[in-house]
Amino acid sequence: MFEIDGLRRYSTPERKRIMEGIDACLRHEPRRETNALLKRARRENVILRSPEGEEFILAEVGDFNREIELTRQNRALMKLLDARARQTETVSFEDVKGLLGLAVRGKSPGTDSRATG
């Protein structure tokens, strides 16, 4: 198991054990309670807590969730996003326009708005 941005990720064997446990619980729970949990999970994610304090999420899986999972596995993208999140400096839109030689607030391109002339 490892953690990414506060989300716990489980290895394939761990996921298999978790799903087997959930399947076993669902087989022993009355159908009405199971259907109520599934109905609620269609509206919102449901957090299931074990007697040992472990927490699991019961959520509807869609293509978007799968895409998020695959994106998080893209190490190069995650490294880029982490680096961008650590950046503290910003560049104003006006400065960017000046760097690109675009007109800044009515001035002609190529004119440095910071020049004291």
C-alpha atoms as a PDB file:
ATOM      1  CA  MET A   1       0.000   0.000   0.000  1.00  0.00           C
ATOM      2  CA  PHE A   2       1.147   3.546  -0.697  1.00  0.00           C
ATOM      3  CA  GLU A   3      -0.403   6.997  -0.495  1.00  0.00           C
ATOM      4  CA  ILE A   4      -0.862   9.636  -3.185  1.00  0.00           C
ATOM      5  CA  ASP A   5      -2.300  13.020  -2.219  1.00  0.00           C
ATOM      6  CA  GLY A   6      -4.058  11.569   0.809  1.00  0.00           C
ATOM      7  CA  LEU A   7      -5.520   8.634  -1.128  1.00  0.00           C
ATOM      8  CA  ARG A   8      -4.443   5.142  -0.156  1.00  0.00           C
ATOM      9  CA  ARG A   9      -3.578   2.846  -3.052  1.00  0.00           C
ATOM     10  CA  TYR A  10      -3.580  -0.908  -2.620  1.00  0.00           C
ATOM     11  CA  SER A  11      -1.635  -3.542  -4.505  1.00  0.00           C
ATOM     12  CA  THR A  12      -3.531  -6.063  -6.634  1.00  0.00           C
ATOM     13  CA  PRO A  13      -3.403  -8.824  -3.957  1.00  0.00           C
ATOM     14  CA  GLU A  14      -4.625  -6.353  -1.312  1.00  0.00           C
ATOM     15  CA  ARG A  15      -7.490  -5.194  -3.565  1.00  0.00           C
ATOM     16  CA  LYS A  16      -8.453  -8.826  -4.205  1.00  0.00           C
ATOM     17  CA  ARG A  17      -8.594  -9.556  -0.447  1.00  0.00           C
ATOM     18  CA  ILE A  18     -10.643  -6.416   0.179  1.00  0.00           C
ATOM     19  CA  MET A  19     -13.122  -7.272  -2.579  1.00  0.00           C
ATOM     20  CA  GLU A  20     -13.429 -10.864  -1.328  1.00  0.00           C
ATOM     21  CA  GLY A  21     -14.234  -9.483   2.126  1.00  0.00           C
ATOM     22  CA  ILE A  22     -16.830  -7.107   0.719  1.00  0.00           C
ATOM     23  CA  ASP A  23     -18.357  -9.912  -1.353  1.00  0.00           C
ATOM     24  CA  ALA A  24     -18.534 -12.151   1.722  1.00  0.00           C
ATOM     25  CA  CYS A  25     -20.213  -9.376   3.725  1.00  0.00           C
ATOM     26  CA  LEU A  26     -22.710  -8.684   0.978  1.00  0.00           C
ATOM     27  CA  ARG A  27     -23.659 -12.373   0.755  1.00  0.00           C
ATOM     28  CA  HIS A  28     -24.443 -12.455   4.483  1.00  0.00           C
ATOM     29  CA  GLU A  29     -26.261  -9.107   4.739  1.00  0.00           C
ATOM     30  CA  PRO A  30     -29.969  -8.984   4.069  1.00  0.00           C
ATOM     31  CA  ARG A  31     -30.645  -7.924   0.488  1.00  0.00           C
ATOM     32  CA  ARG A  32     -32.628  -4.873   1.621  1.00  0.00           C
ATOM     33  CA  GLU A  33     -29.637  -3.378   3.481  1.00  0.00           C
ATOM     34  CA  THR A  34     -27.314  -4.080   0.565  1.00  0.00           C
ATOM     35  CA  ASN A  35     -29.700  -2.419  -1.881  1.00  0.00           C
ATOM     36  CA  ALA A  36     -29.994   0.584   0.437  1.00  0.00           C
ATOM     37  CA  LEU A  37     -26.181   0.929   0.511  1.00  0.00           C
ATOM     38  CA  LEU A  38     -25.986   0.661  -3.279  1.00  0.00           C
ATOM     39  CA  LYS A  39     -28.790   3.200  -3.710  1.00  0.00           C
ATOM     40  CA  ARG A  40     -26.952   5.638  -1.447  1.00  0.00           C
ATOM     41  CA  ALA A  41     -23.656   5.005  -3.286  1.00  0.00           C
ATOM     42  CA  ARG A  42     -25.372   6.013  -6.530  1.00  0.00           C
ATOM     43  CA  ARG A  43     -26.008   9.469  -4.988  1.00  0.00           C
ATOM     44  CA  GLU A  44     -22.769   9.891  -3.031  1.00  0.00           C
ATOM     45  CA  ASN A  45     -19.657   7.996  -1.964  1.00  0.00           C
ATOM     46  CA  VAL A  46     -20.207   5.895   1.149  1.00  0.00           C
ATOM     47  CA  ILE A  47     -17.444   5.352   3.712  1.00  0.00           C
ATOM     48  CA  LEU A  48     -17.511   1.872   5.253  1.00  0.00           C
ATOM     49  CA  ARG A  49     -15.649   1.447   8.541  1.00  0.00           C
ATOM     50  CA  SER A  50     -14.548  -1.967   9.796  1.00  0.00           C
ATOM     51  CA  PRO A  51     -14.571  -2.902  13.495  1.00  0.00           C
ATOM     52  CA  GLU A  52     -10.756  -2.564  13.368  1.00  0.00           C
ATOM     53  CA  GLY A  53     -11.090   1.044  12.188  1.00  0.00           C
ATOM     54  CA  GLU A  54     -10.158   0.504   8.541  1.00  0.00           C
ATOM     55  CA  GLU A  55     -12.080   2.683   6.123  1.00  0.00           C
ATOM     56  CA  PHE A  56     -13.258   1.831   2.629  1.00  0.00           C
ATOM     57  CA  ILE A  57     -15.196   3.781   0.036  1.00  0.00           C
ATOM     58  CA  LEU A  58     -18.226   2.365  -1.728  1.00  0.00           C
ATOM     59  CA  ALA A  59     -18.618   4.421  -4.892  1.00  0.00           C
ATOM     60  CA  GLU A  60     -20.052   4.071  -8.343  1.00  0.00           C
ATOM     61  CA  VAL A  61     -17.251   3.404 -10.812  1.00  0.00           C
ATOM     62  CA  GLY A  62     -17.412   5.248 -14.105  1.00  0.00           C
ATOM     63  CA  ASP A  63     -15.049   5.983 -16.953  1.00  0.00           C
ATOM     64  CA  PHE A  64     -14.000   9.245 -15.295  1.00  0.00           C
ATOM     65  CA  ASN A  65     -12.859   7.447 -12.136  1.00  0.00           C
ATOM     66  CA  ARG A  66     -10.853   4.984 -14.209  1.00  0.00           C
ATOM     67  CA  GLU A  67      -9.260   7.845 -16.119  1.00  0.00           C
ATOM     68  CA  ILE A  68      -8.262   9.511 -12.846  1.00  0.00           C
ATOM     69  CA  GLU A  69      -6.689   6.269 -11.649  1.00  0.00           C
ATOM     70  CA  LEU A  70      -4.694   5.890 -14.869  1.00  0.00           C
ATOM     71  CA  THR A  71      -3.636   9.557 -14.796  1.00  0.00           C
ATOM     72  CA  ARG A  72      -2.325   9.195 -11.254  1.00  0.00           C
ATOM     73  CA  GLN A  73      -0.179   6.287 -12.427  1.00  0.00           C
ATOM     74  CA  ASN A  74       1.525   8.574 -14.976  1.00  0.00           C
ATOM     75  CA  ARG A  75       4.745   9.276 -13.048  1.00  0.00           C
ATOM     76  CA  ALA A  76       6.013  11.954 -15.421  1.00  0.00           C
ATOM     77  CA  LEU A  77       2.762  13.911 -15.185  1.00  0.00           C
ATOM     78  CA  MET A  78       2.612  13.562 -11.397  1.00  0.00           C
ATOM     79  CA  LYS A  79       6.230  14.792 -11.147  1.00  0.00           C
ATOM     80  CA  LEU A  80       5.388  17.821 -13.308  1.00  0.00           C
ATOM     81  CA  LEU A  81       2.268  18.612 -11.260  1.00  0.00           C
ATOM     82  CA  ASP A  82       4.172  18.258  -7.990  1.00  0.00           C
ATOM     83  CA  ALA A  83       6.846  20.666  -9.252  1.00  0.00           C
ATOM     84  CA  ARG A  84       4.202  23.162 -10.359  1.00  0.00           C
ATOM     85  CA  ALA A  85       2.447  22.917  -6.998  1.00  0.00           C
ATOM     86  CA  ARG A  86       5.698  23.906  -5.252  1.00  0.00           C
ATOM     87  CA  GLN A  87       6.151  27.037  -7.379  1.00  0.00           C
ATOM     88  CA  THR A  88       5.695  30.202  -5.357  1.00  0.00           C
ATOM     89  CA  GLU A  89       6.361  32.850  -7.992  1.00  0.00           C
ATOM     90  CA  THR A  90       3.688  34.053 -10.381  1.00  0.00           C
ATOM     91  CA  VAL A  91       3.793  36.108 -13.562  1.00  0.00           C
ATOM     92  CA  SER A  92       1.037  38.617 -14.214  1.00  0.00           C
ATOM     93  CA  PHE A  93      -0.950  38.517 -17.421  1.00  0.00           C
ATOM     94  CA  GLU A  94       0.347  41.966 -18.306  1.00  0.00           C
ATOM     95  CA  ASP A  95       3.969  40.779 -17.912  1.00  0.00           C
ATOM     96  CA  VAL A  96       3.287  37.773 -20.142  1.00  0.00           C
ATOM     97  CA  LYS A  97       1.797  39.999 -22.827  1.00  0.00           C
ATOM     98  CA  GLY A  98       4.881  42.245 -22.594  1.00  0.00           C
ATOM     99  CA  LEU A  99       7.243  39.252 -22.859  1.00  0.00           C
ATOM    100  CA  LEU A 100       5.380  38.102 -25.968  1.00  0.00           C
ATOM    101  CA  GLY A 101       5.544  41.570 -27.518  1.00  0.00           C
ATOM    102  CA  LEU A 102       1.786  42.089 -27.368  1.00  0.00           C
ATOM    103  CA  ALA A 103       0.129  45.446 -26.693  1.00  0.00           C
ATOM    104  CA  VAL A 104      -0.050  46.241 -22.985  1.00  0.00           C
ATOM    105  CA  ARG A 105      -2.882  48.590 -21.942  1.00  0.00           C
ATOM    106  CA  GLY A 106      -3.001  50.553 -25.149  1.00  0.00           C
ATOM    107  CA  LYS A 107       0.767  50.676 -25.703  1.00  0.00           C
ATOM    108  CA  SER A 108       2.277  49.486 -28.926  1.00  0.00           C
ATOM    109  CA  PRO A 109       4.008  46.086 -29.080  1.00  0.00           C
ATOM    110  CA  GLY A 110       7.647  46.113 -28.073  1.00  0.00           C
ATOM    111  CA  THR A 111       7.234  49.077 -25.706  1.00  0.00           C
ATOM    112  CA  ASP A 112       8.494  48.271 -22.243  1.00  0.00           C
ATOM    113  CA  SER A 113       5.823  49.409 -19.783  1.00  0.00           C
ATOM    114  CA  ARG A 114       8.484  49.524 -17.043  1.00  0.00           C
ATOM    115  CA  ALA A 115      10.799  51.870 -18.903  1.00  0.00           C
ATOM    116  CA  THR A 116      11.279  55.191 -17.177  1.00  0.00           C
ATOM    117  CA  GLY A 117      12.212  56.913 -20.465  1.00  0.00           C
END
